[in-house]
Amino acid sequence: QDIREIIVSGNIDTKTSAIKRLFPKDSRGLLDPVSLKKGLANLRESGQFSRIDQKILQGAQNSEDVYFLLQLAERPSL
C-alpha cells in the first residue's frame, strides 16, 4: 500500500522538509516501498544520524491512509 505522509521526529538541526526530500515520490505524490528504501539509503548515506528507526502506521479505522514514521537521532554537530 502506498504511503501518503512521512512523520519525522528526533531531528533538531536538520529541517523536516530536507529529510522528506530524500524520499522520492511517484507522479501521484505517494511513496511506495522502493521510495522508502531509497529514502532510508539516502538518510544513512548522509551520515547525519546515529540512529534511524522506522515504522509504518495504518490510519484510523475505515481509513486507507498509511503513514511512515521516522524516529531519528542526530549526530552531534562539531
PDB file of N, CA and C in Angstrom:
ATOM      1  N   GLN A   1       0.842  -1.188   0.000  1.00  0.00           N
ATOM      2  CA  GLN A   1       0.000   0.000   0.000  1.00  0.00           C
ATOM      3  C   GLN A   1       0.882   1.245   0.000  1.00  0.00           C
ATOM      4  N   ASP A   2       0.462   2.238  -0.742  1.00  0.00           N
ATOM      5  CA  ASP A   2       1.241   3.468  -0.856  1.00  0.00           C
ATOM      6  C   ASP A   2       1.083   4.338   0.384  1.00  0.00           C
ATOM      7  N   ILE A   3       2.140   5.057   0.700  1.00  0.00           N
ATOM      8  CA  ILE A   3       2.186   5.896   1.884  1.00  0.00           C
ATOM      9  C   ILE A   3       1.903   7.340   1.491  1.00  0.00           C
ATOM     10  N   ARG A   4       1.078   7.995   2.252  1.00  0.00           N
ATOM     11  CA  ARG A   4       0.696   9.370   1.956  1.00  0.00           C
ATOM     12  C   ARG A   4       1.607  10.389   2.612  1.00  0.00           C
ATOM     13  N   GLU A   5       2.106  10.079   3.799  1.00  0.00           N
ATOM     14  CA  GLU A   5       2.823  11.094   4.566  1.00  0.00           C
ATOM     15  C   GLU A   5       3.948  10.469   5.376  1.00  0.00           C
ATOM     16  N   ILE A   6       5.024  11.229   5.529  1.00  0.00           N
ATOM     17  CA  ILE A   6       6.134  10.845   6.399  1.00  0.00           C
ATOM     18  C   ILE A   6       6.049  11.731   7.638  1.00  0.00           C
ATOM     19  N   ILE A   7       6.100  11.118   8.801  1.00  0.00           N
ATOM     20  CA  ILE A   7       6.099  11.852  10.065  1.00  0.00           C
ATOM     21  C   ILE A   7       7.486  11.668  10.681  1.00  0.00           C
ATOM     22  N   VAL A   8       8.182  12.774  10.913  1.00  0.00           N
ATOM     23  CA  VAL A   8       9.573  12.752  11.368  1.00  0.00           C
ATOM     24  C   VAL A   8       9.657  13.308  12.786  1.00  0.00           C
ATOM     25  N   SER A   9      10.432  12.640  13.640  1.00  0.00           N
ATOM     26  CA  SER A   9      10.698  13.178  14.980  1.00  0.00           C
ATOM     27  C   SER A   9      12.154  12.899  15.347  1.00  0.00           C
ATOM     28  N   GLY A  10      12.659  13.662  16.287  1.00  0.00           N
ATOM     29  CA  GLY A  10      14.027  13.480  16.751  1.00  0.00           C
ATOM     30  C   GLY A  10      15.047  14.361  16.051  1.00  0.00           C
ATOM     31  N   ASN A  11      14.654  15.006  14.971  1.00  0.00           N
ATOM     32  CA  ASN A  11      15.577  15.896  14.266  1.00  0.00           C
ATOM     33  C   ASN A  11      15.569  17.262  14.948  1.00  0.00           C
ATOM     34  N   ILE A  12      16.752  17.777  15.196  1.00  0.00           N
ATOM     35  CA  ILE A  12      16.874  19.074  15.856  1.00  0.00           C
ATOM     36  C   ILE A  12      17.486  20.088  14.895  1.00  0.00           C
ATOM     37  N   ASP A  13      18.640  19.746  14.329  1.00  0.00           N
ATOM     38  CA  ASP A  13      19.338  20.659  13.425  1.00  0.00           C
ATOM     39  C   ASP A  13      18.884  20.527  11.977  1.00  0.00           C
ATOM     40  N   THR A  14      18.447  19.349  11.579  1.00  0.00           N
ATOM     41  CA  THR A  14      18.059  19.103  10.196  1.00  0.00           C
ATOM     42  C   THR A  14      16.570  19.380  10.024  1.00  0.00           C
ATOM     43  N   LYS A  15      16.241  20.202   9.046  1.00  0.00           N
ATOM     44  CA  LYS A  15      14.841  20.533   8.801  1.00  0.00           C
ATOM     45  C   LYS A  15      14.073  19.311   8.318  1.00  0.00           C
ATOM     46  N   THR A  16      12.834  19.206   8.774  1.00  0.00           N
ATOM     47  CA  THR A  16      11.971  18.100   8.377  1.00  0.00           C
ATOM     48  C   THR A  16      11.787  18.077   6.857  1.00  0.00           C
ATOM     49  N   SER A  17      11.646  19.238   6.248  1.00  0.00           N
ATOM     50  CA  SER A  17      11.446  19.300   4.797  1.00  0.00           C
ATOM     51  C   SER A  17      12.660  18.736   4.053  1.00  0.00           C
ATOM     52  N   ALA A  18      13.863  18.966   4.581  1.00  0.00           N
ATOM     53  CA  ALA A  18      15.072  18.420   3.952  1.00  0.00           C
ATOM     54  C   ALA A  18      15.094  16.902   4.051  1.00  0.00           C
ATOM     55  N   ILE A  19      14.641  16.370   5.154  1.00  0.00           N
ATOM     56  CA  ILE A  19      14.585  14.914   5.331  1.00  0.00           C
ATOM     57  C   ILE A  19      13.568  14.315   4.369  1.00  0.00           C
ATOM     58  N   LYS A  20      12.402  14.924   4.278  1.00  0.00           N
ATOM     59  CA  LYS A  20      11.349  14.404   3.403  1.00  0.00           C
ATOM     60  C   LYS A  20      11.760  14.424   1.934  1.00  0.00           C
ATOM     61  N   ARG A  21      12.594  15.394   1.542  1.00  0.00           N
ATOM     62  CA  ARG A  21      13.046  15.462   0.141  1.00  0.00           C
ATOM     63  C   ARG A  21      13.928  14.271  -0.240  1.00  0.00           C
ATOM     64  N   LEU A  22      14.484  13.570   0.732  1.00  0.00           N
ATOM     65  CA  LEU A  22      15.322  12.401   0.451  1.00  0.00           C
ATOM     66  C   LEU A  22      14.500  11.188   0.009  1.00  0.00           C
ATOM     67  N   PHE A  23      13.177  11.273   0.178  1.00  0.00           N
ATOM     68  CA  PHE A  23      12.279  10.184  -0.184  1.00  0.00           C
ATOM     69  C   PHE A  23      11.539  10.551  -1.468  1.00  0.00           C
ATOM     70  N   PRO A  24      11.916   9.964  -2.601  1.00  0.00           N
ATOM     71  CA  PRO A  24      11.282  10.317  -3.880  1.00  0.00           C
ATOM     72  C   PRO A  24       9.831   9.830  -3.944  1.00  0.00           C
ATOM     73  N   LYS A  25       8.939  10.723  -4.372  1.00  0.00           N
ATOM     74  CA  LYS A  25       7.520  10.375  -4.515  1.00  0.00           C
ATOM     75  C   LYS A  25       7.213  10.065  -5.971  1.00  0.00           C
ATOM     76  N   ASP A  26       6.152   9.284  -6.178  1.00  0.00           N
ATOM     77  CA  ASP A  26       5.752   8.965  -7.542  1.00  0.00           C
ATOM     78  C   ASP A  26       4.939  10.123  -8.122  1.00  0.00           C
ATOM     79  N   SER A  27       4.435   9.944  -9.326  1.00  0.00           N
ATOM     80  CA  SER A  27       3.708  11.024 -10.012  1.00  0.00           C
ATOM     81  C   SER A  27       2.419  11.416  -9.289  1.00  0.00           C
ATOM     82  N   ARG A  28       1.916  10.525  -8.437  1.00  0.00           N
ATOM     83  CA  ARG A  28       0.696  10.824  -7.670  1.00  0.00           C
ATOM     84  C   ARG A  28       1.016  11.485  -6.340  1.00  0.00           C
ATOM     85  N   GLY A  29       2.312  11.673  -6.049  1.00  0.00           N
ATOM     86  CA  GLY A  29       2.711  12.272  -4.779  1.00  0.00           C
ATOM     87  C   GLY A  29       2.716  11.294  -3.623  1.00  0.00           C
ATOM     88  N   LEU A  30       2.764   9.992  -3.942  1.00  0.00           N
ATOM     89  CA  LEU A  30       2.750   8.957  -2.909  1.00  0.00           C
ATOM     90  C   LEU A  30       4.108   8.265  -2.839  1.00  0.00           C
ATOM     91  N   LEU A  31       4.320   7.562  -1.747  1.00  0.00           N
ATOM     92  CA  LEU A  31       5.558   6.802  -1.544  1.00  0.00           C
ATOM     93  C   LEU A  31       5.251   5.314  -1.619  1.00  0.00           C
ATOM     94  N   ASP A  32       6.033   4.593  -2.390  1.00  0.00           N
ATOM     95  CA  ASP A  32       5.886   3.147  -2.462  1.00  0.00           C
ATOM     96  C   ASP A  32       7.084   2.507  -1.758  1.00  0.00           C
ATOM     97  N   PRO A  33       7.111   1.173  -1.634  1.00  0.00           N
ATOM     98  CA  PRO A  33       8.223   0.519  -0.930  1.00  0.00           C
ATOM     99  C   PRO A  33       9.604   0.851  -1.497  1.00  0.00           C
ATOM    100  N   VAL A  34       9.720   1.015  -2.807  1.00  0.00           N
ATOM    101  CA  VAL A  34      11.010   1.357  -3.416  1.00  0.00           C
ATOM    102  C   VAL A  34      11.442   2.761  -2.985  1.00  0.00           C
ATOM    103  N   SER A  35      10.497   3.693  -2.939  1.00  0.00           N
ATOM    104  CA  SER A  35      10.791   5.057  -2.496  1.00  0.00           C
ATOM    105  C   SER A  35      11.277   5.072  -1.050  1.00  0.00           C
ATOM    106  N   LEU A  36      10.650   4.250  -0.219  1.00  0.00           N
ATOM    107  CA  LEU A  36      11.052   4.194   1.188  1.00  0.00           C
ATOM    108  C   LEU A  36      12.469   3.647   1.331  1.00  0.00           C
ATOM    109  N   LYS A  37      12.779   2.589   0.586  1.00  0.00           N
ATOM    110  CA  LYS A  37      14.136   2.024   0.640  1.00  0.00           C
ATOM    111  C   LYS A  37      15.171   3.031   0.166  1.00  0.00           C
ATOM    112  N   LYS A  38      14.857   3.737  -0.917  1.00  0.00           N
ATOM    113  CA  LYS A  38      15.771   4.744  -1.444  1.00  0.00           C
ATOM    114  C   LYS A  38      15.961   5.876  -0.438  1.00  0.00           C
ATOM    115  N   GLY A  39      14.878   6.338   0.169  1.00  0.00           N
ATOM    116  CA  GLY A  39      14.965   7.403   1.152  1.00  0.00           C
ATOM    117  C   GLY A  39      15.776   7.002   2.377  1.00  0.00           C
ATOM    118  N   LEU A  40      15.576   5.781   2.860  1.00  0.00           N
ATOM    119  CA  LEU A  40      16.353   5.299   4.007  1.00  0.00           C
ATOM    120  C   LEU A  40      17.829   5.198   3.656  1.00  0.00           C
ATOM    121  N   ALA A  41      18.129   4.738   2.442  1.00  0.00           N
ATOM    122  CA  ALA A  41      19.525   4.669   1.994  1.00  0.00           C
ATOM    123  C   ALA A  41      20.123   6.078   1.941  1.00  0.00           C
ATOM    124  N   ASN A  42      19.346   7.047   1.449  1.00  0.00           N
ATOM    125  CA  ASN A  42      19.813   8.437   1.396  1.00  0.00           C
ATOM    126  C   ASN A  42      20.101   8.971   2.805  1.00  0.00           C
ATOM    127  N   LEU A  43      19.221   8.658   3.757  1.00  0.00           N
ATOM    128  CA  LEU A  43      19.438   9.095   5.137  1.00  0.00           C
ATOM    129  C   LEU A  43      20.726   8.510   5.708  1.00  0.00           C
ATOM    130  N   ARG A  44      20.920   7.213   5.496  1.00  0.00           N
ATOM    131  CA  ARG A  44      22.130   6.559   6.014  1.00  0.00           C
ATOM    132  C   ARG A  44      23.386   7.144   5.371  1.00  0.00           C
ATOM    133  N   GLU A  45      23.330   7.369   4.067  1.00  0.00           N
ATOM    134  CA  GLU A  45      24.485   7.909   3.343  1.00  0.00           C
ATOM    135  C   GLU A  45      24.824   9.334   3.786  1.00  0.00           C
ATOM    136  N   SER A  46      23.846  10.062   4.280  1.00  0.00           N
ATOM    137  CA  SER A  46      24.106  11.434   4.714  1.00  0.00           C
ATOM    138  C   SER A  46      25.044  11.469   5.920  1.00  0.00           C
ATOM    139  N   GLY A  47      25.044  10.417   6.730  1.00  0.00           N
ATOM    140  CA  GLY A  47      25.912  10.339   7.895  1.00  0.00           C
ATOM    141  C   GLY A  47      25.512  11.279   9.030  1.00  0.00           C
ATOM    142  N   GLN A  48      24.354  11.911   8.933  1.00  0.00           N
ATOM    143  CA  GLN A  48      23.928  12.883   9.938  1.00  0.00           C
ATOM    144  C   GLN A  48      23.223  12.249  11.134  1.00  0.00           C
ATOM    145  N   PHE A  49      22.852  10.982  11.010  1.00  0.00           N
ATOM    146  CA  PHE A  49      22.036  10.363  12.047  1.00  0.00           C
ATOM    147  C   PHE A  49      22.708   9.117  12.605  1.00  0.00           C
ATOM    148  N   SER A  50      22.747   9.036  13.932  1.00  0.00           N
ATOM    149  CA  SER A  50      23.347   7.859  14.574  1.00  0.00           C
ATOM    150  C   SER A  50      22.332   6.733  14.708  1.00  0.00           C
ATOM    151  N   ARG A  51      21.053   7.081  14.666  1.00  0.00           N
ATOM    152  CA  ARG A  51      20.011   6.060  14.739  1.00  0.00           C
ATOM    153  C   ARG A  51      18.846   6.462  13.854  1.00  0.00           C
ATOM    154  N   ILE A  52      18.326   5.488  13.109  1.00  0.00           N
ATOM    155  CA  ILE A  52      17.169   5.709  12.249  1.00  0.00           C
ATOM    156  C   ILE A  52      16.202   4.550  12.505  1.00  0.00           C
ATOM    157  N   ASP A  53      15.108   4.841  13.164  1.00  0.00           N
ATOM    158  CA  ASP A  53      14.071   3.841  13.403  1.00  0.00           C
ATOM    159  C   ASP A  53      12.871   4.200  12.546  1.00  0.00           C
ATOM    160  N   GLN A  54      12.227   3.185  11.972  1.00  0.00           N
ATOM    161  CA  GLN A  54      11.081   3.455  11.132  1.00  0.00           C
ATOM    162  C   GLN A  54       9.950   2.488  11.433  1.00  0.00           C
ATOM    163  N   LYS A  55       8.743   2.951  11.142  1.00  0.00           N
ATOM    164  CA  LYS A  55       7.552   2.148  11.388  1.00  0.00           C
ATOM    165  C   LYS A  55       6.467   2.604  10.429  1.00  0.00           C
ATOM    166  N   ILE A  56       5.656   1.678   9.967  1.00  0.00           N
ATOM    167  CA  ILE A  56       4.512   2.008   9.121  1.00  0.00           C
ATOM    168  C   ILE A  56       3.270   1.945  10.000  1.00  0.00           C
ATOM    169  N   LEU A  57       2.449   2.980   9.923  1.00  0.00           N
ATOM    170  CA  LEU A  57       1.276   3.110  10.777  1.00  0.00           C
ATOM    171  C   LEU A  57       0.033   3.236   9.918  1.00  0.00           C
ATOM    172  N   GLN A  58      -0.958   2.387  10.183  1.00  0.00           N
ATOM    173  CA  GLN A  58      -2.239   2.467   9.493  1.00  0.00           C
ATOM    174  C   GLN A  58      -3.030   3.637  10.056  1.00  0.00           C
ATOM    175  N   GLY A  59      -3.857   4.256   9.233  1.00  0.00           N
ATOM    176  CA  GLY A  59      -4.706   5.352   9.670  1.00  0.00           C
ATOM    177  C   GLY A  59      -5.844   4.844  10.545  1.00  0.00           C
ATOM    178  N   ALA A  60      -6.748   5.717  10.867  1.00  0.00           N
ATOM    179  CA  ALA A  60      -7.898   5.374  11.702  1.00  0.00           C
ATOM    180  C   ALA A  60      -8.751   4.308  11.022  1.00  0.00           C
ATOM    181  N   GLN A  61      -9.603   3.700  11.807  1.00  0.00           N
ATOM    182  CA  GLN A  61     -10.488   2.657  11.295  1.00  0.00           C
ATOM    183  C   GLN A  61     -11.297   3.181  10.107  1.00  0.00           C
ATOM    184  N   ASN A  62     -11.478   2.347   9.115  1.00  0.00           N
ATOM    185  CA  ASN A  62     -12.189   2.687   7.873  1.00  0.00           C
ATOM    186  C   ASN A  62     -11.457   3.735   7.039  1.00  0.00           C
ATOM    187  N   SER A  63     -10.179   3.925   7.289  1.00  0.00           N
ATOM    188  CA  SER A  63      -9.378   4.867   6.518  1.00  0.00           C
ATOM    189  C   SER A  63      -8.320   4.072   5.752  1.00  0.00           C
ATOM    190  N   GLU A  64      -8.031   4.515   4.548  1.00  0.00           N
ATOM    191  CA  GLU A  64      -6.991   3.853   3.763  1.00  0.00           C
ATOM    192  C   GLU A  64      -5.652   4.555   3.903  1.00  0.00           C
ATOM    193  N   ASP A  65      -5.576   5.562   4.759  1.00  0.00           N
ATOM    194  CA  ASP A  65      -4.342   6.311   4.944  1.00  0.00           C
ATOM    195  C   ASP A  65      -3.294   5.453   5.645  1.00  0.00           C
ATOM    196  N   VAL A  66      -2.061   5.584   5.162  1.00  0.00           N
ATOM    197  CA  VAL A  66      -0.921   4.892   5.750  1.00  0.00           C
ATOM    198  C   VAL A  66       0.184   5.925   5.920  1.00  0.00           C
ATOM    199  N   TYR A  67       0.857   5.885   7.060  1.00  0.00           N
ATOM    200  CA  TYR A  67       1.898   6.861   7.378  1.00  0.00           C
ATOM    201  C   TYR A  67       3.207   6.149   7.649  1.00  0.00           C
ATOM    202  N   PHE A  68       4.308   6.806   7.324  1.00  0.00           N
ATOM    203  CA  PHE A  68       5.645   6.285   7.574  1.00  0.00           C
ATOM    204  C   PHE A  68       6.257   7.129   8.682  1.00  0.00           C
ATOM    205  N   LEU A  69       6.524   6.513   9.822  1.00  0.00           N
ATOM    206  CA  LEU A  69       7.075   7.221  10.970  1.00  0.00           C
ATOM    207  C   LEU A  69       8.582   7.043  11.015  1.00  0.00           C
ATOM    208  N   LEU A  70       9.300   8.137  11.165  1.00  0.00           N
ATOM    209  CA  LEU A  70      10.763   8.113  11.301  1.00  0.00           C
ATOM    210  C   LEU A  70      11.145   8.717  12.640  1.00  0.00           C
ATOM    211  N   GLN A  71      11.863   7.959  13.444  1.00  0.00           N
ATOM    212  CA  GLN A  71      12.415   8.474  14.705  1.00  0.00           C
ATOM    213  C   GLN A  71      13.923   8.524  14.509  1.00  0.00           C
ATOM    214  N   LEU A  72      14.492   9.704  14.560  1.00  0.00           N
ATOM    215  CA  LEU A  72      15.908   9.901  14.245  1.00  0.00           C
ATOM    216  C   LEU A  72      16.683  10.356  15.479  1.00  0.00           C
ATOM    217  N   ALA A  73      17.953  10.038  15.499  1.00  0.00           N
ATOM    218  CA  ALA A  73      18.878  10.584  16.486  1.00  0.00           C
ATOM    219  C   ALA A  73      20.022  11.207  15.691  1.00  0.00           C
ATOM    220  N   GLU A  74      20.125  12.530  15.765  1.00  0.00           N
ATOM    221  CA  GLU A  74      21.178  13.228  15.031  1.00  0.00           C
ATOM    222  C   GLU A  74      22.527  13.076  15.720  1.00  0.00           C
ATOM    223  N   ARG A  75      23.549  13.004  14.899  1.00  0.00           N
ATOM    224  CA  ARG A  75      24.908  13.015  15.440  1.00  0.00           C
ATOM    225  C   ARG A  75      25.200  14.437  15.921  1.00  0.00           C
ATOM    226  N   PRO A  76      25.987  14.573  16.974  1.00  0.00           N
ATOM    227  CA  PRO A  76      26.324  15.929  17.436  1.00  0.00           C
ATOM    228  C   PRO A  76      27.066  16.701  16.359  1.00  0.00           C
ATOM    229  N   SER A  77      26.715  17.980  16.209  1.00  0.00           N
ATOM    230  CA  SER A  77      27.435  18.810  15.236  1.00  0.00           C
ATOM    231  C   SER A  77      28.723  19.310  15.872  1.00  0.00           C
ATOM    232  N   LEU A  78      29.718  19.542  15.040  1.00  0.00           N
ATOM    233  CA  LEU A  78      31.020  19.972  15.546  1.00  0.00           C
ATOM    234  C   LEU A  78      31.076  21.452  15.795  1.00  0.00           C
TER     235      LEU A  78
END
